[in-house]
């Protein structure tokens, strides 16, 4: 499993990646936990978008999950 997380900030109706707000990890288990942090965020609305890629030896499958929005 490979997971890449993108911290995104809302800009009007669009979401834009936050500088230095991308994290990636991979593991050969059925589950894992990622713990990341980002300080000094400006006020606004944020979300975390995570893209999971699973490879079974022949095929790839990609799943995307988006967190709830948080306003600070």
PDB file of N, CA and C in Angstrom:
ATOM      1  N   UNK A   1       0.855  -1.180   0.000  1.00  0.00           N
ATOM      2  CA  UNK A   1       0.000   0.000   0.000  1.00  0.00           C
ATOM      3  C   UNK A   1       0.891   1.230   0.000  1.00  0.00           C
ATOM      4  N   UNK A   2       0.613   2.145  -0.875  1.00  0.00           N
ATOM      5  CA  UNK A   2       1.270   3.441  -0.867  1.00  0.00           C
ATOM      6  C   UNK A   2       0.203   4.498  -0.624  1.00  0.00           C
ATOM      7  N   UNK A   3       0.481   5.428   0.278  1.00  0.00           N
ATOM      8  CA  UNK A   3      -0.465   6.511   0.550  1.00  0.00           C
ATOM      9  C   UNK A   3       0.261   7.837   0.430  1.00  0.00           C
ATOM     10  N   UNK A   4      -0.350   8.754  -0.287  1.00  0.00           N
ATOM     11  CA  UNK A   4       0.176  10.110  -0.398  1.00  0.00           C
ATOM     12  C   UNK A   4      -0.908  11.066   0.061  1.00  0.00           C
ATOM     13  N   UNK A   5      -0.558  11.920   1.020  1.00  0.00           N
ATOM     14  CA  UNK A   5      -1.509  12.882   1.563  1.00  0.00           C
ATOM     15  C   UNK A   5      -1.158  14.278   1.085  1.00  0.00           C
ATOM     16  N   UNK A   6      -2.194  15.022   0.723  1.00  0.00           N
ATOM     17  CA  UNK A   6      -2.037  16.390   0.240  1.00  0.00           C
ATOM     18  C   UNK A   6      -2.881  17.309   1.106  1.00  0.00           C
ATOM     19  N   UNK A   7      -2.240  18.256   1.761  1.00  0.00           N
ATOM     20  CA  UNK A   7      -2.975  19.278   2.496  1.00  0.00           C
ATOM     21  C   UNK A   7      -3.370  20.349   1.492  1.00  0.00           C
ATOM     22  N   UNK A   8      -4.665  20.657   1.453  1.00  0.00           N
ATOM     23  CA  UNK A   8      -5.166  21.610   0.459  1.00  0.00           C
ATOM     24  C   UNK A   8      -5.958  22.724   1.141  1.00  0.00           C
ATOM     25  N   UNK A   9      -5.840  23.917   0.589  1.00  0.00           N
ATOM     26  CA  UNK A   9      -6.560  25.086   1.095  1.00  0.00           C
ATOM     27  C   UNK A   9      -7.563  25.558   0.053  1.00  0.00           C
ATOM     28  N   UNK A  10      -8.736  25.918   0.531  1.00  0.00           N
ATOM     29  CA  UNK A  10      -9.789  26.380  -0.376  1.00  0.00           C
ATOM     30  C   UNK A  10      -9.509  27.809  -0.813  1.00  0.00           C
ATOM     31  N   UNK A  11      -9.598  28.019  -2.129  1.00  0.00           N
ATOM     32  CA  UNK A  11      -9.407  29.343  -2.709  1.00  0.00           C
ATOM     33  C   UNK A  11     -10.581  29.582  -3.647  1.00  0.00           C
ATOM     34  N   UNK A  12     -11.615  30.252  -3.132  1.00  0.00           N
ATOM     35  CA  UNK A  12     -12.852  30.411  -3.906  1.00  0.00           C
ATOM     36  C   UNK A  12     -13.543  29.071  -4.008  1.00  0.00           C
ATOM     37  N   UNK A  13     -13.720  28.568  -5.215  1.00  0.00           N
ATOM     38  CA  UNK A  13     -14.353  27.257  -5.406  1.00  0.00           C
ATOM     39  C   UNK A  13     -13.314  26.173  -5.705  1.00  0.00           C
ATOM     40  N   UNK A  14     -12.040  26.542  -5.663  1.00  0.00           N
ATOM     41  CA  UNK A  14     -10.969  25.591  -5.980  1.00  0.00           C
ATOM     42  C   UNK A  14     -10.174  25.221  -4.729  1.00  0.00           C
ATOM     43  N   UNK A  15      -9.534  24.058  -4.808  1.00  0.00           N
ATOM     44  CA  UNK A  15      -8.626  23.615  -3.752  1.00  0.00           C
ATOM     45  C   UNK A  15      -7.208  23.669  -4.290  1.00  0.00           C
ATOM     46  N   UNK A  16      -6.306  24.277  -3.494  1.00  0.00           N
ATOM     47  CA  UNK A  16      -4.919  24.410  -3.916  1.00  0.00           C
ATOM     48  C   UNK A  16      -4.004  23.737  -2.907  1.00  0.00           C
ATOM     49  N   UNK A  17      -2.958  23.072  -3.388  1.00  0.00           N
ATOM     50  CA  UNK A  17      -2.001  22.401  -2.522  1.00  0.00           C
ATOM     51  C   UNK A  17      -1.255  23.425  -1.677  1.00  0.00           C
ATOM     52  N   UNK A  18      -1.039  23.070  -0.421  1.00  0.00           N
ATOM     53  CA  UNK A  18      -0.289  23.921   0.501  1.00  0.00           C
ATOM     54  C   UNK A  18       1.194  23.586   0.358  1.00  0.00           C
ATOM     55  N   UNK A  19       2.040  24.594   0.293  1.00  0.00           N
ATOM     56  CA  UNK A  19       3.478  24.384   0.166  1.00  0.00           C
ATOM     57  C   UNK A  19       4.002  23.542   1.328  1.00  0.00           C
ATOM     58  N   UNK A  20       4.808  22.557   1.014  1.00  0.00           N
ATOM     59  CA  UNK A  20       5.360  21.624   2.007  1.00  0.00           C
ATOM     60  C   UNK A  20       4.265  20.872   2.765  1.00  0.00           C
ATOM     61  N   UNK A  21       3.135  20.656   2.128  1.00  0.00           N
ATOM     62  CA  UNK A  21       2.012  19.971   2.762  1.00  0.00           C
ATOM     63  C   UNK A  21       1.694  18.643   2.104  1.00  0.00           C
ATOM     64  N   UNK A  22       2.727  17.938   1.642  1.00  0.00           N
ATOM     65  CA  UNK A  22       2.532  16.627   1.022  1.00  0.00           C
ATOM     66  C   UNK A  22       3.377  15.610   1.766  1.00  0.00           C
ATOM     67  N   UNK A  23       2.747  14.467   2.097  1.00  0.00           N
ATOM     68  CA  UNK A  23       3.446  13.397   2.809  1.00  0.00           C
ATOM     69  C   UNK A  23       3.151  12.078   2.113  1.00  0.00           C
ATOM     70  N   UNK A  24       4.137  11.202   2.100  1.00  0.00           N
ATOM     71  CA  UNK A  24       3.960   9.908   1.442  1.00  0.00           C
ATOM     72  C   UNK A  24       4.580   8.810   2.296  1.00  0.00           C
ATOM     73  N   UNK A  25       3.951   7.643   2.264  1.00  0.00           N
ATOM     74  CA  UNK A  25       4.467   6.498   2.998  1.00  0.00           C
ATOM     75  C   UNK A  25       3.989   5.235   2.305  1.00  0.00           C
ATOM     76  N   UNK A  26       4.709   4.156   2.501  1.00  0.00           N
ATOM     77  CA  UNK A  26       4.281   2.880   1.943  1.00  0.00           C
ATOM     78  C   UNK A  26       4.640   1.770   2.913  1.00  0.00           C
ATOM     79  N   UNK A  27       3.881   0.698   2.836  1.00  0.00           N
ATOM     80  CA  UNK A  27       4.075  -0.424   3.756  1.00  0.00           C
ATOM     81  C   UNK A  27       3.526  -1.685   3.108  1.00  0.00           C
ATOM     82  N   UNK A  28       4.045  -2.830   3.499  1.00  0.00           N
ATOM     83  CA  UNK A  28       3.585  -4.102   2.954  1.00  0.00           C
ATOM     84  C   UNK A  28       2.711  -4.822   3.984  1.00  0.00           C
ATOM     85  N   UNK A  29       1.732  -4.118   4.509  1.00  0.00           N
ATOM     86  CA  UNK A  29       0.766  -4.695   5.450  1.00  0.00           C
ATOM     87  C   UNK A  29      -0.631  -4.312   4.992  1.00  0.00           C
ATOM     88  N   UNK A  30      -1.633  -4.853   5.663  1.00  0.00           N
ATOM     89  CA  UNK A  30      -3.012  -4.558   5.271  1.00  0.00           C
ATOM     90  C   UNK A  30      -3.479  -3.193   5.758  1.00  0.00           C
ATOM     91  N   UNK A  31      -2.803  -2.637   6.764  1.00  0.00           N
ATOM     92  CA  UNK A  31      -3.204  -1.324   7.265  1.00  0.00           C
ATOM     93  C   UNK A  31      -2.000  -0.614   7.881  1.00  0.00           C
ATOM     94  N   UNK A  32      -2.070   0.689   7.943  1.00  0.00           N
ATOM     95  CA  UNK A  32      -1.033   1.469   8.614  1.00  0.00           C
ATOM     96  C   UNK A  32      -1.587   2.837   8.970  1.00  0.00           C
ATOM     97  N   UNK A  33      -0.862   3.536   9.808  1.00  0.00           N
ATOM     98  CA  UNK A  33      -1.280   4.849  10.284  1.00  0.00           C
ATOM     99  C   UNK A  33      -0.239   5.886   9.884  1.00  0.00           C
ATOM    100  N   UNK A  34      -0.722   7.002   9.368  1.00  0.00           N
ATOM    101  CA  UNK A  34       0.168   8.118   9.060  1.00  0.00           C
ATOM    102  C   UNK A  34      -0.136   9.254  10.025  1.00  0.00           C
ATOM    103  N   UNK A  35       0.902   9.875  10.528  1.00  0.00           N
ATOM    104  CA  UNK A  35       0.745  10.999  11.443  1.00  0.00           C
ATOM    105  C   UNK A  35       1.645  12.129  10.963  1.00  0.00           C
ATOM    106  N   UNK A  36       1.048  13.240  10.575  1.00  0.00           N
ATOM    107  CA  UNK A  36       1.794  14.370  10.030  1.00  0.00           C
ATOM    108  C   UNK A  36       1.329  15.658  10.702  1.00  0.00           C
ATOM    109  N   UNK A  37       2.122  16.678  10.569  1.00  0.00           N
ATOM    110  CA  UNK A  37       1.703  17.973  11.117  1.00  0.00           C
ATOM    111  C   UNK A  37       2.243  19.103  10.246  1.00  0.00           C
ATOM    112  N   UNK A  38       1.559  20.227  10.318  1.00  0.00           N
ATOM    113  CA  UNK A  38       1.964  21.415   9.562  1.00  0.00           C
ATOM    114  C   UNK A  38       1.659  22.620  10.438  1.00  0.00           C
ATOM    115  N   UNK A  39       2.655  23.427  10.707  1.00  0.00           N
ATOM    116  CA  UNK A  39       2.461  24.589  11.572  1.00  0.00           C
ATOM    117  C   UNK A  39       2.387  25.872  10.756  1.00  0.00           C
ATOM    118  N   UNK A  40       1.991  26.915  11.420  1.00  0.00           N
ATOM    119  CA  UNK A  40       1.918  28.259  10.834  1.00  0.00           C
ATOM    120  C   UNK A  40       0.997  28.343   9.617  1.00  0.00           C
ATOM    121  N   UNK A  41      -0.158  27.726   9.722  1.00  0.00           N
ATOM    122  CA  UNK A  41      -1.135  27.834   8.636  1.00  0.00           C
ATOM    123  C   UNK A  41      -1.855  29.171   8.720  1.00  0.00           C
ATOM    124  N   UNK A  42      -2.084  29.787   7.586  1.00  0.00           N
ATOM    125  CA  UNK A  42      -2.876  31.018   7.566  1.00  0.00           C
ATOM    126  C   UNK A  42      -4.342  30.655   7.734  1.00  0.00           C
ATOM    127  N   UNK A  43      -5.149  31.633   8.114  1.00  0.00           N
ATOM    128  CA  UNK A  43      -6.572  31.343   8.306  1.00  0.00           C
ATOM    129  C   UNK A  43      -7.203  30.952   6.977  1.00  0.00           C
ATOM    130  N   UNK A  44      -8.181  30.085   7.054  1.00  0.00           N
ATOM    131  CA  UNK A  44      -8.859  29.615   5.856  1.00  0.00           C
ATOM    132  C   UNK A  44      -9.476  28.250   6.082  1.00  0.00           C
ATOM    133  N   UNK A  45      -9.913  27.626   5.013  1.00  0.00           N
ATOM    134  CA  UNK A  45     -10.547  26.311   5.072  1.00  0.00           C
ATOM    135  C   UNK A  45      -9.620  25.300   4.424  1.00  0.00           C
ATOM    136  N   UNK A  46      -9.389  24.200   5.135  1.00  0.00           N
ATOM    137  CA  UNK A  46      -8.437  23.188   4.710  1.00  0.00           C
ATOM    138  C   UNK A  46      -9.083  21.808   4.656  1.00  0.00           C
ATOM    139  N   UNK A  47      -8.455  20.936   3.899  1.00  0.00           N
ATOM    140  CA  UNK A  47      -8.838  19.525   3.881  1.00  0.00           C
ATOM    141  C   UNK A  47      -7.586  18.699   3.605  1.00  0.00           C
ATOM    142  N   UNK A  48      -7.679  17.426   3.885  1.00  0.00           N
ATOM    143  CA  UNK A  48      -6.593  16.502   3.595  1.00  0.00           C
ATOM    144  C   UNK A  48      -7.098  15.495   2.570  1.00  0.00           C
ATOM    145  N   UNK A  49      -6.427  15.429   1.438  1.00  0.00           N
ATOM    146  CA  UNK A  49      -6.783  14.473   0.388  1.00  0.00           C
ATOM    147  C   UNK A  49      -5.734  13.373   0.390  1.00  0.00           C
ATOM    148  N   UNK A  50      -6.185  12.135   0.519  1.00  0.00           N
ATOM    149  CA  UNK A  50      -5.267  10.999   0.568  1.00  0.00           C
ATOM    150  C   UNK A  50      -5.518  10.087  -0.619  1.00  0.00           C
ATOM    151  N   UNK A  51      -4.457   9.762  -1.329  1.00  0.00           N
ATOM    152  CA  UNK A  51      -4.534   8.862  -2.478  1.00  0.00           C
ATOM    153  C   UNK A  51      -3.815   7.565  -2.099  1.00  0.00           C
ATOM    154  N   UNK A  52      -4.565   6.469  -2.103  1.00  0.00           N
ATOM    155  CA  UNK A  52      -4.022   5.152  -1.797  1.00  0.00           C
ATOM    156  C   UNK A  52      -3.815   4.387  -3.093  1.00  0.00           C
ATOM    157  N   UNK A  53      -2.663   3.756  -3.236  1.00  0.00           N
ATOM    158  CA  UNK A  53      -2.406   2.891  -4.376  1.00  0.00           C
ATOM    159  C   UNK A  53      -2.020   1.515  -3.852  1.00  0.00           C
ATOM    160  N   UNK A  54      -2.742   0.514  -4.315  1.00  0.00           N
ATOM    161  CA  UNK A  54      -2.496  -0.865  -3.888  1.00  0.00           C
ATOM    162  C   UNK A  54      -2.057  -1.659  -5.111  1.00  0.00           C
ATOM    163  N   UNK A  55      -1.003  -2.434  -4.944  1.00  0.00           N
ATOM    164  CA  UNK A  55      -0.487  -3.264  -6.034  1.00  0.00           C
ATOM    165  C   UNK A  55      -0.494  -4.719  -5.575  1.00  0.00           C
ATOM    166  N   UNK A  56      -1.133  -5.585  -6.342  1.00  0.00           N
ATOM    167  CA  UNK A  56      -1.248  -6.985  -5.934  1.00  0.00           C
ATOM    168  C   UNK A  56      -0.278  -7.908  -6.685  1.00  0.00           C
ATOM    169  N   UNK A  57       0.672  -7.329  -7.376  1.00  0.00           N
ATOM    170  CA  UNK A  57       1.625  -8.127  -8.126  1.00  0.00           C
ATOM    171  C   UNK A  57       1.388  -8.072  -9.614  1.00  0.00           C
ATOM    172  N   UNK A  58       0.149  -7.784 -10.000  1.00  0.00           N
ATOM    173  CA  UNK A  58      -0.189  -7.657 -11.423  1.00  0.00           C
ATOM    174  C   UNK A  58      -0.939  -6.373 -11.732  1.00  0.00           C
ATOM    175  N   UNK A  59      -1.817  -5.976 -10.836  1.00  0.00           N
ATOM    176  CA  UNK A  59      -2.683  -4.820 -11.089  1.00  0.00           C
ATOM    177  C   UNK A  59      -2.550  -3.770  -9.993  1.00  0.00           C
ATOM    178  N   UNK A  60      -2.799  -2.537 -10.391  1.00  0.00           N
ATOM    179  CA  UNK A  60      -2.839  -1.419  -9.458  1.00  0.00           C
ATOM    180  C   UNK A  60      -4.288  -0.985  -9.263  1.00  0.00           C
ATOM    181  N   UNK A  61      -4.602  -0.578  -8.055  1.00  0.00           N
ATOM    182  CA  UNK A  61      -5.901   0.034  -7.791  1.00  0.00           C
ATOM    183  C   UNK A  61      -5.644   1.304  -6.993  1.00  0.00           C
ATOM    184  N   UNK A  62      -6.303   2.382  -7.370  1.00  0.00           N
ATOM    185  CA  UNK A  62      -6.136   3.658  -6.693  1.00  0.00           C
ATOM    186  C   UNK A  62      -7.466   4.096  -6.093  1.00  0.00           C
ATOM    187  N   UNK A  63      -7.406   4.516  -4.840  1.00  0.00           N
ATOM    188  CA  UNK A  63      -8.585   5.001  -4.121  1.00  0.00           C
ATOM    189  C   UNK A  63      -8.234   6.355  -3.525  1.00  0.00           C
ATOM    190  N   UNK A  64      -9.147   7.307  -3.656  1.00  0.00           N
ATOM    191  CA  UNK A  64      -8.928   8.645  -3.105  1.00  0.00           C
ATOM    192  C   UNK A  64      -9.957   8.923  -2.023  1.00  0.00           C
ATOM    193  N   UNK A  65      -9.489   9.429  -0.878  1.00  0.00           N
ATOM    194  CA  UNK A  65     -10.378   9.796   0.219  1.00  0.00           C
ATOM    195  C   UNK A  65     -10.100  11.241   0.599  1.00  0.00           C
ATOM    196  N   UNK A  66     -11.163  11.970   0.890  1.00  0.00           N
ATOM    197  CA  UNK A  66     -11.041  13.379   1.252  1.00  0.00           C
ATOM    198  C   UNK A  66     -11.630  13.585   2.636  1.00  0.00           C
ATOM    199  N   UNK A  67     -10.884  14.281   3.484  1.00  0.00           N
ATOM    200  CA  UNK A  67     -11.322  14.517   4.848  1.00  0.00           C
ATOM    201  C   UNK A  67     -12.446  15.556   4.893  1.00  0.00           C
ATOM    202  N   UNK A  68     -13.005  15.714   6.072  1.00  0.00           N
ATOM    203  CA  UNK A  68     -13.928  16.825   6.301  1.00  0.00           C
ATOM    204  C   UNK A  68     -13.151  18.126   6.208  1.00  0.00           C
ATOM    205  N   UNK A  69     -13.830  19.196   5.883  1.00  0.00           N
ATOM    206  CA  UNK A  69     -13.195  20.509   5.817  1.00  0.00           C
ATOM    207  C   UNK A  69     -13.056  21.084   7.224  1.00  0.00           C
ATOM    208  N   UNK A  70     -11.926  21.761   7.456  1.00  0.00           N
ATOM    209  CA  UNK A  70     -11.677  22.411   8.752  1.00  0.00           C
ATOM    210  C   UNK A  70     -11.339  23.865   8.492  1.00  0.00           C
ATOM    211  N   UNK A  71     -12.024  24.762   9.212  1.00  0.00           N
ATOM    212  CA  UNK A  71     -11.767  26.182   9.072  1.00  0.00           C
ATOM    213  C   UNK A  71     -11.016  26.695  10.296  1.00  0.00           C
ATOM    214  N   UNK A  72      -9.949  27.420  10.037  1.00  0.00           N
ATOM    215  CA  UNK A  72      -9.188  27.971  11.172  1.00  0.00           C
ATOM    216  C   UNK A  72      -8.863  29.431  10.909  1.00  0.00           C
TER     217      UNK A  72
END
